[in-house]
Structure formats: structure tokens, C-alpha cells
Amino acid sequence: MRDVIEQWSSRYVWRSSVDQSLTPITIRQLSGVGDVSATFRPDVSRFHTRDLDNKKFLSLWSEGRPFIVEDVLGDMQGSWGPDYFADTYGSDIVSVVDCETNTSTSMTVRDFFWRFETCRNSKPLKLKDWPPNTDAKFPQLFKAFIDALPVPDYTRPDGVANLTAHFPPNGVIPDLGPKMYNAYGTGTYSQHGTTCLHLDVTSAVNLMLYAVAEEDGSPGSAVWHIFPRSACSSIRKLISESDMGEEMGDPIHNQKTYVLQEMLDRLWVEYDVVPWEIKQCPGEAVFIPAGCAHQVHNISNSIKVALDFLSVMDLPPTERVGQELRIQRIITDWGEDVLCFYDVLWYAWLLLSQQMKFRGNAVIDYACDPTGMSQPVGYIPRLTAVQR
């Protein structure tokens, strides 16, 4: 199976024919910024949703670089505000987490969303991974989200280049979303953040649907810190050396640390590690590559929805993180293998092999010709209907 990963990864390494202006991580000088690490912070590429094509996506994704897409809400249908959820699902009992104490409490959906517009700087409560079962609620809203996704060949659950799309219809398909993430903001300065530092086994796209405007009238937002894949060992070492490294298991996978500015400065000075910093506003989608440690701080109350996906370029970091999470599950006796990575590879390999036989071994190289998809978005050839 490792040979399969290496073959696929080498096959889909981006060629030098791409737009070279997108390749280097340029460094910008920030004036008037008090923190040391912000002095040399890598630029984050921004695209309008209609300007991002497969070629631009691959040029960034093959290097493990996050980016942001604007105006994704422009063509979406449906209501994503707190009033809709409070009115439609208000009586449902949900578990919410206090981001400061990591303790859970139960309340109604109505109570949680009622406070969205009326409370500022209150307890930083979070309603995450809602609903627990993707198919249980919001089918129309989730469909609108999926239909609006940028680079749908890679991000849609039925995208032709999304490896998780190739499970047989009677298989146990990994639950990769969409899921909602709803949380109160904690203002500009926070000692805890909204989502602690962690690593995901897949790549993800996270769209901010709604945010309460700031008191000065500026749009509500969230701040992301996304670290390069190569930074994980340095981050683990620094956390282990600090008072925060006393939790069981892996310093990143235990999800108990929010990296504050002092530690960001130490990472820069001592390890030459600087994260991408992204300010996300309503209508903007953040793309997070697999294997990149990241954390989030909601400045204002906000509603987001996210979906995981897996491309060929993600295979090496996905396998690595999957093995790390397996060890973490053994140490802590908690968690589950949501992705079933080797099952994903097996079914994708079976399907590609059958397509090669059917097409006379004429394989399209999506990396060399990313716009030459052989089938329209939404086409999923099924293993149970192979043409011979």
C-alpha cells in the first residue's frame, strides 16, 4: 500500500509549467505591528470564487499552502443566520463547550443562538460538529453549500478528484461532513482561542456563513494560524518544554494548547517557524491542507460550515497524521478512525484500475492537465456497474 501512495504522490507532483508567480512564499514587511513573528509572515493567496480554477488550486496545494476564497456566499441559496436555526431547531437539546475551561453543558438550540445577537464578550461557548449525523438535518442548506464549493472537482463529496468519493454505494462511507461550527467570539485578545491547536487527517474547506458585526460596524471575523507541515516537530518540542506539555499523549493531537503570541514569537526566533495568519470574514472560505497544524480564534460570534476532502497530493501527510492519531488513540483510549485511510485507497485504486481497463489504459493526468477532466462534476462511476 505504501508503494501505491508513493506512486500516486510522485505522479501528481506539480510540473514547472505552472504560473511561477504563485510558487514562492513571498514575505511581506508589516509596519506598525507589535509582535515579532508578524514581521516576516508568509503571504496568503486570495481568490474570488470565480477566479480559482484547478490549475491555481494545484499549484498551491502541491506545496501544502493554505489560501482563502472570497464571495462564496454570492450564489448560495438558503438561510444561514442564527434566527433560522433558533426558530427551526430551537427545542433541540445540544451539548456546548466552554472554550476556556473545556467543560460541556447542555442547552437548547434556541438559547445558544438567541445569545448570538445580544451577548458580547460572554463565555466563549462553542457548538461544534453539529449535527452529529450529517444526514440528520439541513439537507437543503448543506446542498447549497456543496453546490457553491470552489474547485468542486476536488472538494465536493462526489468530486472526480476527491478520493473519498469512490466508495461503493453499499460501503461504510467516511463521515467527512459537512458539519457546522458555531461559536461565540472572545474579542481581539484571547488567552484561549476558539479551537485549540490540532492536526486533521484530511484537507478541509471552512466557510464562514455569518458573523455578528463588531461594535465599530466592521465585519465580524475569525483569525486562523496555520503552520507549515514541516513545523510540527518544532511546535511539539516547544510545547513539551513549557508548562502546557503535561497533557497525555501528543502535544498537538491532545488539542489542549492554544499558541499565544509569546509562543509564536519563540517559534519564530528559536525555530524559524512562522504561521500563515488568515482573517476570515463572512462569505470567505479557508482551505486547510492535510498535515498543517492550525488553530482558530473567533473575534466575534460566528457560524461556519466545513467539509473534509482528500486529494492525491494529500496522501503522504494524511498517512503520517493517520499513524500519529492511531498512536494517540492507543495512549488515551479515546477517538476513532473516521477516515479509514487504507479503505479509501483501496476503493479508489479499484475504481481507477477498472476505468483504465475500460478506456484502454488511456489515463488522464489531472496534474498535467487539471482542466481536462474526463467527466463532469457529479459523475461517480460505481463499482457495481462496471462496463466490460
Foldseek 3Di string as FASTA:
>chain_A
DVVLLVVLQVLQQFDPPADVVLADFDFDADPPDDFDLNRTFTDADEEELVPDEPRSVSSQQLQQGKHKYFQLCVPFDDDDALVVCCVPQFADKAWKAQLVVRDIDIDGSNVVSVVQAPDAQDGWIKGWQPPVDQPPDDPRRVVRVLVSDGHNLFFHCCRVQFLLVQDFPPDDRFCQDFGKMWIFANAPDDPRANFFKAFDLFKKKKAWAAWDADPVRHFWKKKKWWWGLVCQVVVQVVCCPDPNNPDWAGSRHVRPHHQDSVNQSCCCVPPVTHTHMDIHGHRMMMIGGGNIIMGMHGNGGTMMIMGGTHGSSRSVSSVVVLVRVVVVCVRVVDDDDRHVVVVSVVSSVVVVVLVCVVVVNDDDSCSVPVPPDPDDTPDHDHPVDRDD
